[in-house]
């Protein structure tokens, strides 16, 4: 049971990490500049809207059932953002 709990926890955190990366990528379009405060406001808004609008079955599929997808998207977009930087 403990192993299942941690596997599901990692998958749920991966979905929210994906939302955080998307917020970090899109905050410059909405706020004009990229700050942590604006990113957290956008991330909180996106998370709240995701939990309010998306049905429970879809949230289950996105966060828990489809294990590698949120994690791989978050890591891929994060790697893309690192690649776009001028200096490492």
PDB file of N, CA and C in Angstrom:
ATOM      1  N   UNK A   1       0.815  -1.184   0.000  1.00  0.00           N
ATOM      2  CA  UNK A   1       0.000   0.000   0.000  1.00  0.00           C
ATOM      3  C   UNK A   1       0.863   1.255   0.000  1.00  0.00           C
ATOM      4  N   UNK A   2       1.947   1.220   0.731  1.00  0.00           N
ATOM      5  CA  UNK A   2       2.824   2.384   0.789  1.00  0.00           C
ATOM      6  C   UNK A   2       3.457   2.657  -0.583  1.00  0.00           C
ATOM      7  N   UNK A   3       3.846   1.578  -1.274  1.00  0.00           N
ATOM      8  CA  UNK A   3       4.410   1.731  -2.613  1.00  0.00           C
ATOM      9  C   UNK A   3       3.372   2.335  -3.567  1.00  0.00           C
ATOM     10  N   UNK A   4       2.146   1.848  -3.518  1.00  0.00           N
ATOM     11  CA  UNK A   4       1.084   2.395  -4.371  1.00  0.00           C
ATOM     12  C   UNK A   4       0.840   3.868  -4.052  1.00  0.00           C
ATOM     13  N   UNK A   5       0.830   4.218  -2.780  1.00  0.00           N
ATOM     14  CA  UNK A   5       0.628   5.611  -2.383  1.00  0.00           C
ATOM     15  C   UNK A   5       1.701   6.510  -2.990  1.00  0.00           C
ATOM     16  N   UNK A   6       2.955   6.096  -2.881  1.00  0.00           N
ATOM     17  CA  UNK A   6       4.025   6.951  -3.405  1.00  0.00           C
ATOM     18  C   UNK A   6       4.038   6.994  -4.932  1.00  0.00           C
ATOM     19  N   UNK A   7       3.678   5.894  -5.582  1.00  0.00           N
ATOM     20  CA  UNK A   7       3.583   5.921  -7.050  1.00  0.00           C
ATOM     21  C   UNK A   7       2.481   6.879  -7.503  1.00  0.00           C
ATOM     22  N   UNK A   8       1.328   6.828  -6.855  1.00  0.00           N
ATOM     23  CA  UNK A   8       0.235   7.732  -7.213  1.00  0.00           C
ATOM     24  C   UNK A   8       0.574   9.174  -6.853  1.00  0.00           C
ATOM     25  N   UNK A   9       1.289   9.383  -5.759  1.00  0.00           N
ATOM     26  CA  UNK A   9       1.705  10.727  -5.366  1.00  0.00           C
ATOM     27  C   UNK A   9       2.658  11.322  -6.400  1.00  0.00           C
ATOM     28  N   UNK A  10       3.603  10.520  -6.870  1.00  0.00           N
ATOM     29  CA  UNK A  10       4.541  11.008  -7.893  1.00  0.00           C
ATOM     30  C   UNK A  10       3.797  11.381  -9.163  1.00  0.00           C
ATOM     31  N   UNK A  11       2.817  10.576  -9.550  1.00  0.00           N
ATOM     32  CA  UNK A  11       2.051  10.877 -10.763  1.00  0.00           C
ATOM     33  C   UNK A  11       1.208  12.130 -10.603  1.00  0.00           C
ATOM     34  N   UNK A  12       0.604  12.327  -9.440  1.00  0.00           N
ATOM     35  CA  UNK A  12      -0.201  13.531  -9.209  1.00  0.00           C
ATOM     36  C   UNK A  12       0.687  14.777  -9.167  1.00  0.00           C
ATOM     37  N   UNK A  13       1.847  14.673  -8.562  1.00  0.00           N
ATOM     38  CA  UNK A  13       2.768  15.806  -8.525  1.00  0.00           C
ATOM     39  C   UNK A  13       3.279  16.115  -9.937  1.00  0.00           C
ATOM     40  N   UNK A  14       3.436  15.073 -10.754  1.00  0.00           N
ATOM     41  CA  UNK A  14       3.892  15.282 -12.136  1.00  0.00           C
ATOM     42  C   UNK A  14       2.895  16.108 -12.938  1.00  0.00           C
ATOM     43  N   UNK A  15       1.604  15.883 -12.725  1.00  0.00           N
ATOM     44  CA  UNK A  15       0.600  16.692 -13.411  1.00  0.00           C
ATOM     45  C   UNK A  15       0.722  18.152 -13.004  1.00  0.00           C
ATOM     46  N   UNK A  16       0.925  18.401 -11.733  1.00  0.00           N
ATOM     47  CA  UNK A  16       1.047  19.782 -11.273  1.00  0.00           C
ATOM     48  C   UNK A  16       2.389  20.390 -11.694  1.00  0.00           C
ATOM     49  N   UNK A  17       3.421  19.566 -11.821  1.00  0.00           N
ATOM     50  CA  UNK A  17       4.692  20.067 -12.360  1.00  0.00           C
ATOM     51  C   UNK A  17       4.520  20.486 -13.811  1.00  0.00           C
ATOM     52  N   UNK A  18       3.722  19.734 -14.556  1.00  0.00           N
ATOM     53  CA  UNK A  18       3.429  20.118 -15.943  1.00  0.00           C
ATOM     54  C   UNK A  18       2.698  21.457 -15.987  1.00  0.00           C
ATOM     55  N   UNK A  19       1.733  21.646 -15.106  1.00  0.00           N
ATOM     56  CA  UNK A  19       1.034  22.938 -15.043  1.00  0.00           C
ATOM     57  C   UNK A  19       1.986  24.070 -14.679  1.00  0.00           C
ATOM     58  N   UNK A  20       2.942  23.784 -13.798  1.00  0.00           N
ATOM     59  CA  UNK A  20       3.915  24.803 -13.407  1.00  0.00           C
ATOM     60  C   UNK A  20       4.830  25.176 -14.569  1.00  0.00           C
ATOM     61  N   UNK A  21       5.284  24.181 -15.325  1.00  0.00           N
ATOM     62  CA  UNK A  21       6.149  24.468 -16.477  1.00  0.00           C
ATOM     63  C   UNK A  21       5.388  25.255 -17.544  1.00  0.00           C
ATOM     64  N   UNK A  22       4.147  24.883 -17.788  1.00  0.00           N
ATOM     65  CA  UNK A  22       3.334  25.619 -18.768  1.00  0.00           C
ATOM     66  C   UNK A  22       3.086  27.049 -18.285  1.00  0.00           C
ATOM     67  N   UNK A  23       2.883  27.222 -16.982  1.00  0.00           N
ATOM     68  CA  UNK A  23       2.720  28.577 -16.428  1.00  0.00           C
ATOM     69  C   UNK A  23       3.989  29.390 -16.612  1.00  0.00           C
ATOM     70  N   UNK A  24       5.137  28.781 -16.363  1.00  0.00           N
ATOM     71  CA  UNK A  24       6.410  29.471 -16.516  1.00  0.00           C
ATOM     72  C   UNK A  24       6.636  29.875 -17.969  1.00  0.00           C
ATOM     73  N   UNK A  25       6.206  29.015 -18.895  1.00  0.00           N
ATOM     74  CA  UNK A  25       6.382  29.325 -20.313  1.00  0.00           C
ATOM     75  C   UNK A  25       5.417  30.418 -20.779  1.00  0.00           C
ATOM     76  N   UNK A  26       4.210  30.472 -20.225  1.00  0.00           N
ATOM     77  CA  UNK A  26       3.198  31.386 -20.720  1.00  0.00           C
ATOM     78  C   UNK A  26       3.047  32.679 -19.960  1.00  0.00           C
ATOM     79  N   UNK A  27       3.739  32.826 -18.839  1.00  0.00           N
ATOM     80  CA  UNK A  27       3.529  34.021 -18.028  1.00  0.00           C
ATOM     81  C   UNK A  27       4.034  35.277 -18.725  1.00  0.00           C
ATOM     82  N   UNK A  28       5.046  35.150 -19.562  1.00  0.00           N
ATOM     83  CA  UNK A  28       5.571  36.333 -20.262  1.00  0.00           C
ATOM     84  C   UNK A  28       4.542  36.886 -21.248  1.00  0.00           C
ATOM     85  N   UNK A  29       3.740  36.008 -21.848  1.00  0.00           N
ATOM     86  CA  UNK A  29       2.704  36.472 -22.776  1.00  0.00           C
ATOM     87  C   UNK A  29       1.593  37.215 -22.045  1.00  0.00           C
ATOM     88  N   UNK A  30       1.274  36.777 -20.845  1.00  0.00           N
ATOM     89  CA  UNK A  30       0.168  37.385 -20.108  1.00  0.00           C
ATOM     90  C   UNK A  30       0.584  38.589 -19.281  1.00  0.00           C
ATOM     91  N   UNK A  31       1.731  38.516 -18.637  1.00  0.00           N
ATOM     92  CA  UNK A  31       2.141  39.589 -17.729  1.00  0.00           C
ATOM     93  C   UNK A  31       3.164  40.535 -18.344  1.00  0.00           C
ATOM     94  N   UNK A  32       3.758  40.156 -19.452  1.00  0.00           N
ATOM     95  CA  UNK A  32       4.758  41.021 -20.066  1.00  0.00           C
ATOM     96  C   UNK A  32       6.165  40.751 -19.589  1.00  0.00           C
ATOM     97  N   UNK A  33       6.314  40.165 -18.429  1.00  0.00           N
ATOM     98  CA  UNK A  33       7.631  39.798 -17.909  1.00  0.00           C
ATOM     99  C   UNK A  33       7.480  38.547 -17.059  1.00  0.00           C
ATOM    100  N   UNK A  34       8.585  37.874 -16.836  1.00  0.00           N
ATOM    101  CA  UNK A  34       8.547  36.599 -16.118  1.00  0.00           C
ATOM    102  C   UNK A  34       9.068  36.804 -14.696  1.00  0.00           C
ATOM    103  N   UNK A  35       8.155  36.808 -13.738  1.00  0.00           N
ATOM    104  CA  UNK A  35       8.520  36.857 -12.327  1.00  0.00           C
ATOM    105  C   UNK A  35       7.901  35.658 -11.621  1.00  0.00           C
ATOM    106  N   UNK A  36       8.459  35.315 -10.463  1.00  0.00           N
ATOM    107  CA  UNK A  36       7.920  34.177  -9.720  1.00  0.00           C
ATOM    108  C   UNK A  36       6.522  34.471  -9.184  1.00  0.00           C
ATOM    109  N   UNK A  37       6.256  35.710  -8.834  1.00  0.00           N
ATOM    110  CA  UNK A  37       4.932  36.050  -8.322  1.00  0.00           C
ATOM    111  C   UNK A  37       3.866  35.868  -9.405  1.00  0.00           C
ATOM    112  N   UNK A  38       4.151  36.374 -10.596  1.00  0.00           N
ATOM    113  CA  UNK A  38       3.200  36.224 -11.701  1.00  0.00           C
ATOM    114  C   UNK A  38       3.054  34.761 -12.095  1.00  0.00           C
ATOM    115  N   UNK A  39       4.158  34.015 -12.051  1.00  0.00           N
ATOM    116  CA  UNK A  39       4.095  32.588 -12.372  1.00  0.00           C
ATOM    117  C   UNK A  39       3.240  31.845 -11.360  1.00  0.00           C
ATOM    118  N   UNK A  40       3.381  32.153 -10.087  1.00  0.00           N
ATOM    119  CA  UNK A  40       2.592  31.461  -9.057  1.00  0.00           C
ATOM    120  C   UNK A  40       1.107  31.812  -9.154  1.00  0.00           C
ATOM    121  N   UNK A  41       0.806  33.060  -9.512  1.00  0.00           N
ATOM    122  CA  UNK A  41      -0.602  33.441  -9.694  1.00  0.00           C
ATOM    123  C   UNK A  41      -1.195  32.684 -10.874  1.00  0.00           C
ATOM    124  N   UNK A  42      -0.451  32.618 -11.981  1.00  0.00           N
ATOM    125  CA  UNK A  42      -0.936  31.881 -13.147  1.00  0.00           C
ATOM    126  C   UNK A  42      -1.040  30.388 -12.847  1.00  0.00           C
ATOM    127  N   UNK A  43      -0.058  29.823 -12.151  1.00  0.00           N
ATOM    128  CA  UNK A  43      -0.097  28.407 -11.784  1.00  0.00           C
ATOM    129  C   UNK A  43      -1.280  28.101 -10.876  1.00  0.00           C
ATOM    130  N   UNK A  44      -1.522  28.958  -9.893  1.00  0.00           N
ATOM    131  CA  UNK A  44      -2.661  28.759  -8.990  1.00  0.00           C
ATOM    132  C   UNK A  44      -3.980  28.843  -9.749  1.00  0.00           C
ATOM    133  N   UNK A  45      -4.064  29.792 -10.678  1.00  0.00           N
ATOM    134  CA  UNK A  45      -5.281  29.920 -11.482  1.00  0.00           C
ATOM    135  C   UNK A  45      -5.485  28.699 -12.362  1.00  0.00           C
ATOM    136  N   UNK A  46      -4.430  28.259 -13.022  1.00  0.00           N
ATOM    137  CA  UNK A  46      -4.546  27.082 -13.888  1.00  0.00           C
ATOM    138  C   UNK A  46      -4.898  25.833 -13.087  1.00  0.00           C
ATOM    139  N   UNK A  47      -4.305  25.684 -11.907  1.00  0.00           N
ATOM    140  CA  UNK A  47      -4.602  24.520 -11.069  1.00  0.00           C
ATOM    141  C   UNK A  47      -6.043  24.554 -10.583  1.00  0.00           C
ATOM    142  N   UNK A  48      -6.492  25.716 -10.139  1.00  0.00           N
ATOM    143  CA  UNK A  48      -7.878  25.827  -9.669  1.00  0.00           C
ATOM    144  C   UNK A  48      -8.864  25.560 -10.798  1.00  0.00           C
ATOM    145  N   UNK A  49      -8.603  26.124 -11.973  1.00  0.00           N
ATOM    146  CA  UNK A  49      -9.493  25.882 -13.105  1.00  0.00           C
ATOM    147  C   UNK A  49      -9.475  24.423 -13.540  1.00  0.00           C
ATOM    148  N   UNK A  50      -8.306  23.806 -13.503  1.00  0.00           N
ATOM    149  CA  UNK A  50      -8.225  22.386 -13.847  1.00  0.00           C
ATOM    150  C   UNK A  50      -9.052  21.552 -12.895  1.00  0.00           C
ATOM    151  N   UNK A  51      -8.959  21.836 -11.609  1.00  0.00           N
ATOM    152  CA  UNK A  51      -9.705  21.054 -10.624  1.00  0.00           C
ATOM    153  C   UNK A  51     -11.193  21.381 -10.617  1.00  0.00           C
ATOM    154  N   UNK A  52     -11.567  22.573 -11.061  1.00  0.00           N
ATOM    155  CA  UNK A  52     -12.985  22.936 -11.104  1.00  0.00           C
ATOM    156  C   UNK A  52     -13.683  22.484 -12.382  1.00  0.00           C
ATOM    157  N   UNK A  53     -13.011  22.628 -13.503  1.00  0.00           N
ATOM    158  CA  UNK A  53     -13.665  22.393 -14.786  1.00  0.00           C
ATOM    159  C   UNK A  53     -13.611  20.931 -15.220  1.00  0.00           C
ATOM    160  N   UNK A  54     -12.461  20.308 -15.044  1.00  0.00           N
ATOM    161  CA  UNK A  54     -12.269  18.956 -15.551  1.00  0.00           C
ATOM    162  C   UNK A  54     -13.006  17.963 -14.663  1.00  0.00           C
ATOM    163  N   UNK A  55     -13.697  17.028 -15.314  1.00  0.00           N
ATOM    164  CA  UNK A  55     -14.452  16.026 -14.562  1.00  0.00           C
ATOM    165  C   UNK A  55     -13.509  15.093 -13.824  1.00  0.00           C
ATOM    166  N   UNK A  56     -14.041  14.436 -12.786  1.00  0.00           N
ATOM    167  CA  UNK A  56     -13.222  13.568 -11.948  1.00  0.00           C
ATOM    168  C   UNK A  56     -12.590  12.420 -12.731  1.00  0.00           C
ATOM    169  N   UNK A  57     -13.325  11.863 -13.681  1.00  0.00           N
ATOM    170  CA  UNK A  57     -12.778  10.754 -14.466  1.00  0.00           C
ATOM    171  C   UNK A  57     -11.573  11.204 -15.287  1.00  0.00           C
ATOM    172  N   UNK A  58     -11.660  12.406 -15.841  1.00  0.00           N
ATOM    173  CA  UNK A  58     -10.548  12.925 -16.646  1.00  0.00           C
ATOM    174  C   UNK A  58      -9.359  13.283 -15.767  1.00  0.00           C
ATOM    175  N   UNK A  59      -9.628  13.835 -14.576  1.00  0.00           N
ATOM    176  CA  UNK A  59      -8.521  14.121 -13.656  1.00  0.00           C
ATOM    177  C   UNK A  59      -7.821  12.841 -13.231  1.00  0.00           C
ATOM    178  N   UNK A  60      -8.609  11.801 -12.991  1.00  0.00           N
ATOM    179  CA  UNK A  60      -8.016  10.508 -12.641  1.00  0.00           C
ATOM    180  C   UNK A  60      -7.128  10.012 -13.773  1.00  0.00           C
ATOM    181  N   UNK A  61      -7.608  10.131 -14.994  1.00  0.00           N
ATOM    182  CA  UNK A  61      -6.830   9.665 -16.140  1.00  0.00           C
ATOM    183  C   UNK A  61      -5.568  10.500 -16.318  1.00  0.00           C
ATOM    184  N   UNK A  62      -5.680  11.818 -16.177  1.00  0.00           N
ATOM    185  CA  UNK A  62      -4.520  12.683 -16.373  1.00  0.00           C
ATOM    186  C   UNK A  62      -3.498  12.535 -15.257  1.00  0.00           C
ATOM    187  N   UNK A  63      -3.958  12.461 -14.008  1.00  0.00           N
ATOM    188  CA  UNK A  63      -3.036  12.513 -12.884  1.00  0.00           C
ATOM    189  C   UNK A  63      -2.564  11.142 -12.417  1.00  0.00           C
ATOM    190  N   UNK A  64      -3.424  10.154 -12.450  1.00  0.00           N
ATOM    191  CA  UNK A  64      -3.051   8.890 -11.838  1.00  0.00           C
ATOM    192  C   UNK A  64      -2.934   7.737 -12.819  1.00  0.00           C
ATOM    193  N   UNK A  65      -3.857   7.632 -13.743  1.00  0.00           N
ATOM    194  CA  UNK A  65      -3.913   6.454 -14.598  1.00  0.00           C
ATOM    195  C   UNK A  65      -2.849   6.467 -15.687  1.00  0.00           C
ATOM    196  N   UNK A  66      -2.677   7.588 -16.356  1.00  0.00           N
ATOM    197  CA  UNK A  66      -1.677   7.660 -17.431  1.00  0.00           C
ATOM    198  C   UNK A  66      -0.349   8.079 -16.819  1.00  0.00           C
ATOM    199  N   UNK A  67       0.349   7.124 -16.298  1.00  0.00           N
ATOM    200  CA  UNK A  67       1.504   7.380 -15.450  1.00  0.00           C
ATOM    201  C   UNK A  67       2.611   8.209 -16.086  1.00  0.00           C
ATOM    202  N   UNK A  68       3.137   7.846 -17.235  1.00  0.00           N
ATOM    203  CA  UNK A  68       4.329   8.587 -17.675  1.00  0.00           C
ATOM    204  C   UNK A  68       4.052   9.863 -18.447  1.00  0.00           C
ATOM    205  N   UNK A  69       2.811  10.134 -18.809  1.00  0.00           N
ATOM    206  CA  UNK A  69       2.571  11.213 -19.759  1.00  0.00           C
ATOM    207  C   UNK A  69       2.801  12.600 -19.172  1.00  0.00           C
ATOM    208  N   UNK A  70       2.251  12.907 -18.020  1.00  0.00           N
ATOM    209  CA  UNK A  70       2.466  14.233 -17.424  1.00  0.00           C
ATOM    210  C   UNK A  70       3.937  14.439 -17.083  1.00  0.00           C
ATOM    211  N   UNK A  71       4.582  13.401 -16.587  1.00  0.00           N
ATOM    212  CA  UNK A  71       5.994  13.508 -16.231  1.00  0.00           C
ATOM    213  C   UNK A  71       6.850  13.733 -17.475  1.00  0.00           C
ATOM    214  N   UNK A  72       6.584  13.001 -18.543  1.00  0.00           N
ATOM    215  CA  UNK A  72       7.392  13.154 -19.748  1.00  0.00           C
ATOM    216  C   UNK A  72       7.149  14.504 -20.414  1.00  0.00           C
ATOM    217  N   UNK A  73       5.915  14.990 -20.415  1.00  0.00           N
ATOM    218  CA  UNK A  73       5.644  16.320 -20.972  1.00  0.00           C
ATOM    219  C   UNK A  73       6.329  17.403 -20.156  1.00  0.00           C
ATOM    220  N   UNK A  74       6.261  17.304 -18.832  1.00  0.00           N
ATOM    221  CA  UNK A  74       6.904  18.309 -17.977  1.00  0.00           C
ATOM    222  C   UNK A  74       8.410  18.313 -18.184  1.00  0.00           C
ATOM    223  N   UNK A  75       9.015  17.132 -18.236  1.00  0.00           N
ATOM    224  CA  UNK A  75      10.461  17.061 -18.447  1.00  0.00           C
ATOM    225  C   UNK A  75      10.851  17.525 -19.851  1.00  0.00           C
ATOM    226  N   UNK A  76      10.046  17.201 -20.847  1.00  0.00           N
ATOM    227  CA  UNK A  76      10.353  17.629 -22.218  1.00  0.00           C
ATOM    228  C   UNK A  76      10.260  19.144 -22.355  1.00  0.00           C
ATOM    229  N   UNK A  77       9.202  19.739 -21.813  1.00  0.00           N
ATOM    230  CA  UNK A  77       9.070  21.200 -21.896  1.00  0.00           C
ATOM    231  C   UNK A  77      10.133  21.898 -21.069  1.00  0.00           C
ATOM    232  N   UNK A  78      10.484  21.331 -19.913  1.00  0.00           N
ATOM    233  CA  UNK A  78      11.569  21.897 -19.110  1.00  0.00           C
ATOM    234  C   UNK A  78      12.901  21.835 -19.839  1.00  0.00           C
ATOM    235  N   UNK A  79      13.171  20.715 -20.504  1.00  0.00           N
ATOM    236  CA  UNK A  79      14.406  20.597 -21.276  1.00  0.00           C
ATOM    237  C   UNK A  79      14.408  21.572 -22.444  1.00  0.00           C
ATOM    238  N   UNK A  80      13.254  21.775 -23.064  1.00  0.00           N
ATOM    239  CA  UNK A  80      13.165  22.745 -24.157  1.00  0.00           C
ATOM    240  C   UNK A  80      13.464  24.152 -23.653  1.00  0.00           C
ATOM    241  N   UNK A  81      12.938  24.501 -22.481  1.00  0.00           N
ATOM    242  CA  UNK A  81      13.212  25.830 -21.923  1.00  0.00           C
ATOM    243  C   UNK A  81      14.699  25.991 -21.605  1.00  0.00           C
ATOM    244  N   UNK A  82      15.352  24.938 -21.107  1.00  0.00           N
ATOM    245  CA  UNK A  82      16.785  25.005 -20.863  1.00  0.00           C
ATOM    246  C   UNK A  82      17.569  25.136 -22.172  1.00  0.00           C
ATOM    247  N   UNK A  83      17.129  24.443 -23.189  1.00  0.00           N
ATOM    248  CA  UNK A  83      17.808  24.505 -24.471  1.00  0.00           C
ATOM    249  C   UNK A  83      17.704  25.889 -25.091  1.00  0.00           C
ATOM    250  N   UNK A  84      16.568  26.583 -24.891  1.00  0.00           N
ATOM    251  CA  UNK A  84      16.360  27.908 -25.459  1.00  0.00           C
ATOM    252  C   UNK A  84      17.196  28.988 -24.782  1.00  0.00           C
ATOM    253  N   UNK A  85      17.667  28.745 -23.582  1.00  0.00           N
ATOM    254  CA  UNK A  85      18.440  29.763 -22.870  1.00  0.00           C
ATOM    255  C   UNK A  85      19.747  30.046 -23.590  1.00  0.00           C
ATOM    256  N   UNK A  86      20.248  31.254 -23.430  1.00  0.00           N
ATOM    257  CA  UNK A  86      21.503  31.631 -24.057  1.00  0.00           C
ATOM    258  C   UNK A  86      22.701  31.022 -23.332  1.00  0.00           C
ATOM    259  N   UNK A  87      22.606  30.867 -22.036  1.00  0.00           N
ATOM    260  CA  UNK A  87      23.709  30.289 -21.264  1.00  0.00           C
ATOM    261  C   UNK A  87      23.143  29.211 -20.346  1.00  0.00           C
ATOM    262  N   UNK A  88      23.945  28.226 -20.055  1.00  0.00           N
ATOM    263  CA  UNK A  88      23.498  27.090 -19.248  1.00  0.00           C
ATOM    264  C   UNK A  88      23.777  27.339 -17.790  1.00  0.00           C
TER     265      UNK A  88
END
